[in-house]
């Protein structure tokens, strides 16, 4: 495991060096700033980014993720309990993901205005699908022998859900969070480009208008690190909850 991490760090360092070399060759910071320039801007403006803009983005991410989890679990349970509902809901879910959400963002602005509701709505639309589909697949992954054994002992449909399907679906649920939470952070930042009083995406947009490419990229570093931290937290929580998979 440590060897794989070292390979990853070495590859990442090589990419940074390549980026630095290309930036120095171009010598136009407004087109391609070097990593040093980006991290310098980040260091100089870290208090503003973390104390002013970061909380605005994280508030939208947290609210949107909680709604996505609630909605995703609700739809997964509905489809699991009723075949007609599965046939009605599942195609709509799949169709909803064929439309680029970024293209619909202006429509969301038209409906909800430049509000926090618009940004939360965009986060939900981009995040809930993976939760719904993964949890539903987890429900369906229960072994046939286990179902038959439970029925032999007189278990009903709800007992099957609680004692067989929920434990089987838990690893799938955590997998969906590993996909959904980073998407939620990206969605919140993208939504802020369309209008927000603050936030990391709004900061990037303002810096772009000033041709400050280093300032545009600096919030992306925070977004990436935040996504990695959330991933690590989800993995840790998964290890505490899904103990039978160790």
C-alpha atoms as a PDB file:
ATOM      1  CA  UNK A   1       0.000   0.000   0.000  1.00  0.00           C
ATOM      2  CA  UNK A   2       2.803   2.415   0.922  1.00  0.00           C
ATOM      3  CA  UNK A   3       4.588   1.585  -2.337  1.00  0.00           C
ATOM      4  CA  UNK A   4       1.460   2.461  -4.337  1.00  0.00           C
ATOM      5  CA  UNK A   5       1.172   5.780  -2.489  1.00  0.00           C
ATOM      6  CA  UNK A   6       4.789   6.574  -3.290  1.00  0.00           C
ATOM      7  CA  UNK A   7       4.129   5.888  -6.976  1.00  0.00           C
ATOM      8  CA  UNK A   8       1.147   8.233  -6.833  1.00  0.00           C
ATOM      9  CA  UNK A   9       3.153  10.986  -5.122  1.00  0.00           C
ATOM     10  CA  UNK A  10       5.985  10.597  -7.617  1.00  0.00           C
ATOM     11  CA  UNK A  11       3.583  10.814 -10.563  1.00  0.00           C
ATOM     12  CA  UNK A  12       1.905  13.874  -9.063  1.00  0.00           C
ATOM     13  CA  UNK A  13       5.284  15.551  -8.551  1.00  0.00           C
ATOM     14  CA  UNK A  14       6.199  14.837 -12.171  1.00  0.00           C
ATOM     15  CA  UNK A  15       2.971  16.491 -13.332  1.00  0.00           C
ATOM     16  CA  UNK A  16       3.696  19.567 -11.207  1.00  0.00           C
ATOM     17  CA  UNK A  17       7.210  19.809 -12.627  1.00  0.00           C
ATOM     18  CA  UNK A  18       5.842  19.456 -16.159  1.00  0.00           C
ATOM     19  CA  UNK A  19       3.259  22.161 -15.444  1.00  0.00           C
ATOM     20  CA  UNK A  20       5.993  24.424 -14.021  1.00  0.00           C
ATOM     21  CA  UNK A  21       8.167  23.882 -17.089  1.00  0.00           C
ATOM     22  CA  UNK A  22       5.360  24.627 -19.564  1.00  0.00           C
ATOM     23  CA  UNK A  23       4.320  27.741 -17.606  1.00  0.00           C
ATOM     24  CA  UNK A  24       7.900  29.022 -17.620  1.00  0.00           C
ATOM     25  CA  UNK A  25       8.166  28.356 -21.352  1.00  0.00           C
ATOM     26  CA  UNK A  26       4.942  30.248 -22.117  1.00  0.00           C
ATOM     27  CA  UNK A  27       5.861  33.024 -19.659  1.00  0.00           C
ATOM     28  CA  UNK A  28       2.333  34.448 -19.585  1.00  0.00           C
ATOM     29  CA  UNK A  29       0.772  34.108 -16.138  1.00  0.00           C
ATOM     30  CA  UNK A  30      -2.606  35.379 -17.365  1.00  0.00           C
ATOM     31  CA  UNK A  31      -2.781  32.323 -19.682  1.00  0.00           C
ATOM     32  CA  UNK A  32      -1.057  29.601 -17.663  1.00  0.00           C
ATOM     33  CA  UNK A  33       0.246  30.464 -14.193  1.00  0.00           C
ATOM     34  CA  UNK A  34       2.877  28.200 -12.699  1.00  0.00           C
ATOM     35  CA  UNK A  35       2.140  26.023  -9.636  1.00  0.00           C
ATOM     36  CA  UNK A  36       4.367  28.350  -7.615  1.00  0.00           C
ATOM     37  CA  UNK A  37       2.247  31.352  -8.604  1.00  0.00           C
ATOM     38  CA  UNK A  38      -0.970  29.499  -7.797  1.00  0.00           C
ATOM     39  CA  UNK A  39       0.252  28.412  -4.354  1.00  0.00           C
ATOM     40  CA  UNK A  40       1.637  31.888  -3.686  1.00  0.00           C
ATOM     41  CA  UNK A  41      -1.774  33.406  -4.424  1.00  0.00           C
ATOM     42  CA  UNK A  42      -3.380  30.729  -2.249  1.00  0.00           C
ATOM     43  CA  UNK A  43      -1.063  31.522   0.667  1.00  0.00           C
ATOM     44  CA  UNK A  44      -1.609  35.282   0.376  1.00  0.00           C
ATOM     45  CA  UNK A  45      -5.401  35.018   0.177  1.00  0.00           C
ATOM     46  CA  UNK A  46      -5.995  31.963   2.373  1.00  0.00           C
ATOM     47  CA  UNK A  47      -7.789  33.842   5.192  1.00  0.00           C
ATOM     48  CA  UNK A  48     -10.326  35.355   2.754  1.00  0.00           C
ATOM     49  CA  UNK A  49     -10.799  32.060   0.915  1.00  0.00           C
ATOM     50  CA  UNK A  50     -11.237  29.934   4.044  1.00  0.00           C
ATOM     51  CA  UNK A  51     -13.122  32.352   6.304  1.00  0.00           C
ATOM     52  CA  UNK A  52     -15.368  34.096   3.757  1.00  0.00           C
ATOM     53  CA  UNK A  53     -15.860  31.922   0.670  1.00  0.00           C
ATOM     54  CA  UNK A  54     -15.269  28.368   1.914  1.00  0.00           C
ATOM     55  CA  UNK A  55     -18.171  28.388   4.454  1.00  0.00           C
ATOM     56  CA  UNK A  56     -20.606  29.598   1.769  1.00  0.00           C
ATOM     57  CA  UNK A  57     -19.676  26.731  -0.552  1.00  0.00           C
ATOM     58  CA  UNK A  58     -19.690  24.125   2.237  1.00  0.00           C
ATOM     59  CA  UNK A  59     -23.127  25.200   3.447  1.00  0.00           C
ATOM     60  CA  UNK A  60     -24.575  24.483  -0.006  1.00  0.00           C
ATOM     61  CA  UNK A  61     -22.628  21.204  -0.233  1.00  0.00           C
ATOM     62  CA  UNK A  62     -23.871  19.975   3.162  1.00  0.00           C
ATOM     63  CA  UNK A  63     -27.511  20.920   2.572  1.00  0.00           C
ATOM     64  CA  UNK A  64     -27.498  19.500  -0.956  1.00  0.00           C
ATOM     65  CA  UNK A  65     -25.786  16.271   0.127  1.00  0.00           C
ATOM     66  CA  UNK A  66     -28.260  15.677   2.973  1.00  0.00           C
ATOM     67  CA  UNK A  67     -31.187  16.196   0.598  1.00  0.00           C
ATOM     68  CA  UNK A  68     -29.530  13.935  -1.993  1.00  0.00           C
ATOM     69  CA  UNK A  69     -29.029  11.148   0.561  1.00  0.00           C
ATOM     70  CA  UNK A  70     -32.622  11.425   1.782  1.00  0.00           C
ATOM     71  CA  UNK A  71     -34.087  11.532  -1.720  1.00  0.00           C
ATOM     72  CA  UNK A  72     -31.775   8.809  -3.034  1.00  0.00           C
ATOM     73  CA  UNK A  73     -32.543   6.385  -0.210  1.00  0.00           C
ATOM     74  CA  UNK A  74     -36.280   7.095  -0.475  1.00  0.00           C
ATOM     75  CA  UNK A  75     -36.388   6.383  -4.208  1.00  0.00           C
ATOM     76  CA  UNK A  76     -34.197   3.268  -3.835  1.00  0.00           C
ATOM     77  CA  UNK A  77     -36.514   1.831  -1.164  1.00  0.00           C
ATOM     78  CA  UNK A  78     -39.600   2.661  -3.243  1.00  0.00           C
ATOM     79  CA  UNK A  79     -38.224   0.885  -6.308  1.00  0.00           C
ATOM     80  CA  UNK A  80     -37.132  -2.061  -4.197  1.00  0.00           C
ATOM     81  CA  UNK A  81     -40.545  -2.545  -2.614  1.00  0.00           C
ATOM     82  CA  UNK A  82     -42.631  -2.146  -5.755  1.00  0.00           C
ATOM     83  CA  UNK A  83     -41.875  -3.505  -9.235  1.00  0.00           C
ATOM     84  CA  UNK A  84     -44.375  -1.102 -10.934  1.00  0.00           C
ATOM     85  CA  UNK A  85     -42.662   1.835  -9.208  1.00  0.00           C
ATOM     86  CA  UNK A  86     -39.272   0.521 -10.303  1.00  0.00           C
ATOM     87  CA  UNK A  87     -40.443   0.356 -13.928  1.00  0.00           C
ATOM     88  CA  UNK A  88     -41.879   3.871 -13.631  1.00  0.00           C
ATOM     89  CA  UNK A  89     -39.021   5.599 -11.775  1.00  0.00           C
ATOM     90  CA  UNK A  90     -35.855   3.945 -13.080  1.00  0.00           C
ATOM     91  CA  UNK A  91     -36.178   5.043 -16.747  1.00  0.00           C
ATOM     92  CA  UNK A  92     -36.864   8.612 -15.620  1.00  0.00           C
ATOM     93  CA  UNK A  93     -33.733   8.539 -13.450  1.00  0.00           C
ATOM     94  CA  UNK A  94     -31.608   7.294 -16.331  1.00  0.00           C
ATOM     95  CA  UNK A  95     -33.099   9.873 -18.725  1.00  0.00           C
ATOM     96  CA  UNK A  96     -32.435  12.670 -16.220  1.00  0.00           C
ATOM     97  CA  UNK A  97     -28.710  11.889 -16.390  1.00  0.00           C
ATOM     98  CA  UNK A  98     -28.546  12.106 -20.192  1.00  0.00           C
ATOM     99  CA  UNK A  99     -29.101  15.875 -20.035  1.00  0.00           C
ATOM    100  CA  UNK A 100     -25.941  17.841 -19.115  1.00  0.00           C
ATOM    101  CA  UNK A 101     -26.805  19.521 -15.840  1.00  0.00           C
ATOM    102  CA  UNK A 102     -24.441  22.393 -16.587  1.00  0.00           C
ATOM    103  CA  UNK A 103     -26.614  23.215 -19.601  1.00  0.00           C
ATOM    104  CA  UNK A 104     -29.701  23.312 -17.393  1.00  0.00           C
ATOM    105  CA  UNK A 105     -28.112  25.622 -14.825  1.00  0.00           C
ATOM    106  CA  UNK A 106     -29.389  28.783 -16.602  1.00  0.00           C
ATOM    107  CA  UNK A 107     -32.896  27.277 -16.476  1.00  0.00           C
ATOM    108  CA  UNK A 108     -32.511  26.735 -12.729  1.00  0.00           C
ATOM    109  CA  UNK A 109     -31.482  30.382 -12.421  1.00  0.00           C
ATOM    110  CA  UNK A 110     -34.608  31.377 -14.362  1.00  0.00           C
ATOM    111  CA  UNK A 111     -36.812  29.340 -12.007  1.00  0.00           C
ATOM    112  CA  UNK A 112     -35.139  30.073  -8.665  1.00  0.00           C
ATOM    113  CA  UNK A 113     -33.051  33.185  -9.290  1.00  0.00           C
ATOM    114  CA  UNK A 114     -29.508  33.757  -8.043  1.00  0.00           C
ATOM    115  CA  UNK A 115     -30.312  32.212  -4.696  1.00  0.00           C
ATOM    116  CA  UNK A 116     -28.978  29.549  -2.387  1.00  0.00           C
ATOM    117  CA  UNK A 117     -31.965  27.392  -3.374  1.00  0.00           C
ATOM    118  CA  UNK A 118     -30.738  27.352  -6.976  1.00  0.00           C
ATOM    119  CA  UNK A 119     -27.279  26.203  -5.915  1.00  0.00           C
ATOM    120  CA  UNK A 120     -28.653  23.510  -3.603  1.00  0.00           C
ATOM    121  CA  UNK A 121     -30.975  22.306  -6.361  1.00  0.00           C
ATOM    122  CA  UNK A 122     -28.048  21.909  -8.752  1.00  0.00           C
ATOM    123  CA  UNK A 123     -26.106  19.934  -6.130  1.00  0.00           C
ATOM    124  CA  UNK A 124     -29.066  17.609  -5.561  1.00  0.00           C
ATOM    125  CA  UNK A 125     -29.609  16.983  -9.267  1.00  0.00           C
ATOM    126  CA  UNK A 126     -25.942  16.070  -9.746  1.00  0.00           C
ATOM    127  CA  UNK A 127     -25.606  13.919  -6.605  1.00  0.00           C
ATOM    128  CA  UNK A 128     -28.771  11.958  -5.859  1.00  0.00           C
ATOM    129  CA  UNK A 129     -28.632   9.686  -8.929  1.00  0.00           C
ATOM    130  CA  UNK A 130     -25.516   7.778  -7.856  1.00  0.00           C
ATOM    131  CA  UNK A 131     -26.973   7.239  -4.384  1.00  0.00           C
ATOM    132  CA  UNK A 132     -30.293   5.970  -5.727  1.00  0.00           C
ATOM    133  CA  UNK A 133     -28.827   3.580  -8.280  1.00  0.00           C
ATOM    134  CA  UNK A 134     -26.046   2.209  -6.077  1.00  0.00           C
ATOM    135  CA  UNK A 135     -28.316   1.553  -3.091  1.00  0.00           C
ATOM    136  CA  UNK A 136     -30.946  -0.030  -5.334  1.00  0.00           C
ATOM    137  CA  UNK A 137     -28.284  -2.307  -6.848  1.00  0.00           C
ATOM    138  CA  UNK A 138     -27.222  -3.178  -3.293  1.00  0.00           C
ATOM    139  CA  UNK A 139     -30.773  -4.223  -2.431  1.00  0.00           C
ATOM    140  CA  UNK A 140     -30.818  -6.503  -5.468  1.00  0.00           C
ATOM    141  CA  UNK A 141     -27.433  -8.053  -4.614  1.00  0.00           C
ATOM    142  CA  UNK A 142     -28.807 -10.231  -1.797  1.00  0.00           C
ATOM    143  CA  UNK A 143     -28.100 -13.896  -2.470  1.00  0.00           C
ATOM    144  CA  UNK A 144     -31.059 -16.013  -3.496  1.00  0.00           C
ATOM    145  CA  UNK A 145     -30.163 -18.693  -0.895  1.00  0.00           C
ATOM    146  CA  UNK A 146     -30.351 -16.121   1.906  1.00  0.00           C
ATOM    147  CA  UNK A 147     -33.773 -14.948   0.740  1.00  0.00           C
ATOM    148  CA  UNK A 148     -35.056 -18.511   0.640  1.00  0.00           C
ATOM    149  CA  UNK A 149     -33.621 -19.279   4.081  1.00  0.00           C
ATOM    150  CA  UNK A 150     -35.330 -16.227   5.573  1.00  0.00           C
ATOM    151  CA  UNK A 151     -38.652 -17.240   4.025  1.00  0.00           C
ATOM    152  CA  UNK A 152     -38.191 -20.750   5.399  1.00  0.00           C
ATOM    153  CA  UNK A 153     -38.026 -19.279   8.898  1.00  0.00           C
ATOM    154  CA  UNK A 154     -41.179 -17.254   8.261  1.00  0.00           C
ATOM    155  CA  UNK A 155     -39.580 -13.904   7.486  1.00  0.00           C
ATOM    156  CA  UNK A 156     -41.747 -11.301   5.748  1.00  0.00           C
ATOM    157  CA  UNK A 157     -40.877  -8.602   3.185  1.00  0.00           C
ATOM    158  CA  UNK A 158     -39.904  -5.982   5.766  1.00  0.00           C
ATOM    159  CA  UNK A 159     -37.675  -8.397   7.673  1.00  0.00           C
ATOM    160  CA  UNK A 160     -35.954  -9.232   4.404  1.00  0.00           C
ATOM    161  CA  UNK A 161     -35.362  -5.518   3.848  1.00  0.00           C
ATOM    162  CA  UNK A 162     -33.981  -4.903   7.345  1.00  0.00           C
ATOM    163  CA  UNK A 163     -31.952  -8.062   7.959  1.00  0.00           C
ATOM    164  CA  UNK A 164     -30.732  -8.909   4.452  1.00  0.00           C
ATOM    165  CA  UNK A 165     -31.005  -6.013   2.024  1.00  0.00           C
ATOM    166  CA  UNK A 166     -29.900  -3.102   4.210  1.00  0.00           C
ATOM    167  CA  UNK A 167     -26.627  -4.783   5.353  1.00  0.00           C
ATOM    168  CA  UNK A 168     -25.918  -5.854   1.752  1.00  0.00           C
ATOM    169  CA  UNK A 169     -26.606  -2.360   0.431  1.00  0.00           C
ATOM    170  CA  UNK A 170     -24.425  -0.518   2.979  1.00  0.00           C
ATOM    171  CA  UNK A 171     -21.137  -0.958   1.041  1.00  0.00           C
ATOM    172  CA  UNK A 172     -22.946   0.220  -2.096  1.00  0.00           C
ATOM    173  CA  UNK A 173     -24.213   3.243  -0.179  1.00  0.00           C
ATOM    174  CA  UNK A 174     -20.714   4.254   0.886  1.00  0.00           C
ATOM    175  CA  UNK A 175     -19.502   3.760  -2.683  1.00  0.00           C
ATOM    176  CA  UNK A 176     -22.226   6.137  -3.856  1.00  0.00           C
ATOM    177  CA  UNK A 177     -21.081   8.726  -1.299  1.00  0.00           C
ATOM    178  CA  UNK A 178     -17.523   8.483  -2.623  1.00  0.00           C
ATOM    179  CA  UNK A 179     -18.943   9.480  -6.013  1.00  0.00           C
ATOM    180  CA  UNK A 180     -21.701  11.839  -4.907  1.00  0.00           C
ATOM    181  CA  UNK A 181     -19.873  14.030  -2.379  1.00  0.00           C
ATOM    182  CA  UNK A 182     -17.042  15.137  -4.730  1.00  0.00           C
ATOM    183  CA  UNK A 183     -19.698  15.829  -7.368  1.00  0.00           C
ATOM    184  CA  UNK A 184     -21.612  17.889  -4.807  1.00  0.00           C
ATOM    185  CA  UNK A 185     -18.550  20.056  -4.150  1.00  0.00           C
ATOM    186  CA  UNK A 186     -17.989  20.547  -7.885  1.00  0.00           C
ATOM    187  CA  UNK A 187     -21.688  21.299  -8.462  1.00  0.00           C
ATOM    188  CA  UNK A 188     -21.770  23.904  -5.687  1.00  0.00           C
ATOM    189  CA  UNK A 189     -18.715  25.651  -7.134  1.00  0.00           C
ATOM    190  CA  UNK A 190     -20.144  25.574 -10.676  1.00  0.00           C
ATOM    191  CA  UNK A 191     -23.463  26.966  -9.440  1.00  0.00           C
ATOM    192  CA  UNK A 192     -21.619  29.873  -7.830  1.00  0.00           C
ATOM    193  CA  UNK A 193     -20.288  30.854 -11.257  1.00  0.00           C
ATOM    194  CA  UNK A 194     -23.872  31.650 -12.283  1.00  0.00           C
ATOM    195  CA  UNK A 195     -24.478  33.936  -9.360  1.00  0.00           C
ATOM    196  CA  UNK A 196     -23.731  33.952  -5.641  1.00  0.00           C
ATOM    197  CA  UNK A 197     -22.799  36.512  -2.988  1.00  0.00           C
ATOM    198  CA  UNK A 198     -19.617  34.548  -2.346  1.00  0.00           C
ATOM    199  CA  UNK A 199     -18.146  31.070  -2.446  1.00  0.00           C
ATOM    200  CA  UNK A 200     -15.116  29.487  -4.077  1.00  0.00           C
ATOM    201  CA  UNK A 201     -16.750  29.405  -7.510  1.00  0.00           C
ATOM    202  CA  UNK A 202     -17.715  33.058  -7.233  1.00  0.00           C
ATOM    203  CA  UNK A 203     -14.137  33.925  -6.245  1.00  0.00           C
ATOM    204  CA  UNK A 204     -12.812  32.106  -9.332  1.00  0.00           C
ATOM    205  CA  UNK A 205     -15.272  33.920 -11.598  1.00  0.00           C
ATOM    206  CA  UNK A 206     -14.259  37.341 -10.257  1.00  0.00           C
ATOM    207  CA  UNK A 207     -10.568  36.517 -10.676  1.00  0.00           C
ATOM    208  CA  UNK A 208     -11.181  35.303 -14.221  1.00  0.00           C
ATOM    209  CA  UNK A 209     -12.799  38.631 -15.098  1.00  0.00           C
ATOM    210  CA  UNK A 210      -9.618  40.318 -13.843  1.00  0.00           C
ATOM    211  CA  UNK A 211      -7.442  37.995 -15.971  1.00  0.00           C
ATOM    212  CA  UNK A 212      -5.928  36.646 -12.746  1.00  0.00           C
ATOM    213  CA  UNK A 213      -5.387  33.016 -13.743  1.00  0.00           C
ATOM    214  CA  UNK A 214      -3.555  32.167 -10.521  1.00  0.00           C
ATOM    215  CA  UNK A 215      -6.506  33.481  -8.513  1.00  0.00           C
ATOM    216  CA  UNK A 216      -8.868  31.501 -10.719  1.00  0.00           C
ATOM    217  CA  UNK A 217      -7.014  28.235 -10.004  1.00  0.00           C
ATOM    218  CA  UNK A 218      -6.311  28.783  -6.304  1.00  0.00           C
ATOM    219  CA  UNK A 219      -9.849  27.860  -5.160  1.00  0.00           C
ATOM    220  CA  UNK A 220      -9.600  24.674  -7.233  1.00  0.00           C
ATOM    221  CA  UNK A 221      -6.782  23.548  -4.940  1.00  0.00           C
ATOM    222  CA  UNK A 222      -9.076  24.001  -1.929  1.00  0.00           C
ATOM    223  CA  UNK A 223     -11.906  22.197  -3.711  1.00  0.00           C
ATOM    224  CA  UNK A 224      -9.634  19.255  -4.545  1.00  0.00           C
ATOM    225  CA  UNK A 225      -8.220  19.000  -1.018  1.00  0.00           C
ATOM    226  CA  UNK A 226     -11.727  19.237   0.457  1.00  0.00           C
ATOM    227  CA  UNK A 227     -12.950  16.419  -1.798  1.00  0.00           C
ATOM    228  CA  UNK A 228      -9.996  14.262  -0.714  1.00  0.00           C
ATOM    229  CA  UNK A 229     -10.717  14.967   2.962  1.00  0.00           C
ATOM    230  CA  UNK A 230     -14.367  14.005   2.527  1.00  0.00           C
ATOM    231  CA  UNK A 231     -13.307  10.832   0.717  1.00  0.00           C
ATOM    232  CA  UNK A 232     -11.007   9.921   3.615  1.00  0.00           C
ATOM    233  CA  UNK A 233     -13.788  10.581   6.147  1.00  0.00           C
ATOM    234  CA  UNK A 234     -16.220   8.419   4.183  1.00  0.00           C
ATOM    235  CA  UNK A 235     -13.668   5.608   3.990  1.00  0.00           C
ATOM    236  CA  UNK A 236     -13.077   5.868   7.732  1.00  0.00           C
ATOM    237  CA  UNK A 237     -16.805   5.809   8.496  1.00  0.00           C
ATOM    238  CA  UNK A 238     -17.247   2.868   6.140  1.00  0.00           C
ATOM    239  CA  UNK A 239     -14.550   0.970   8.014  1.00  0.00           C
ATOM    240  CA  UNK A 240     -16.377   1.584  11.304  1.00  0.00           C
ATOM    241  CA  UNK A 241     -19.848   0.626   9.998  1.00  0.00           C
ATOM    242  CA  UNK A 242     -19.208  -2.122   7.438  1.00  0.00           C
ATOM    243  CA  UNK A 243     -17.115  -4.269   9.766  1.00  0.00           C
ATOM    244  CA  UNK A 244     -18.077  -7.575   8.101  1.00  0.00           C
ATOM    245  CA  UNK A 245     -16.300  -6.575   4.865  1.00  0.00           C
ATOM    246  CA  UNK A 246     -12.851  -6.410   6.495  1.00  0.00           C
END
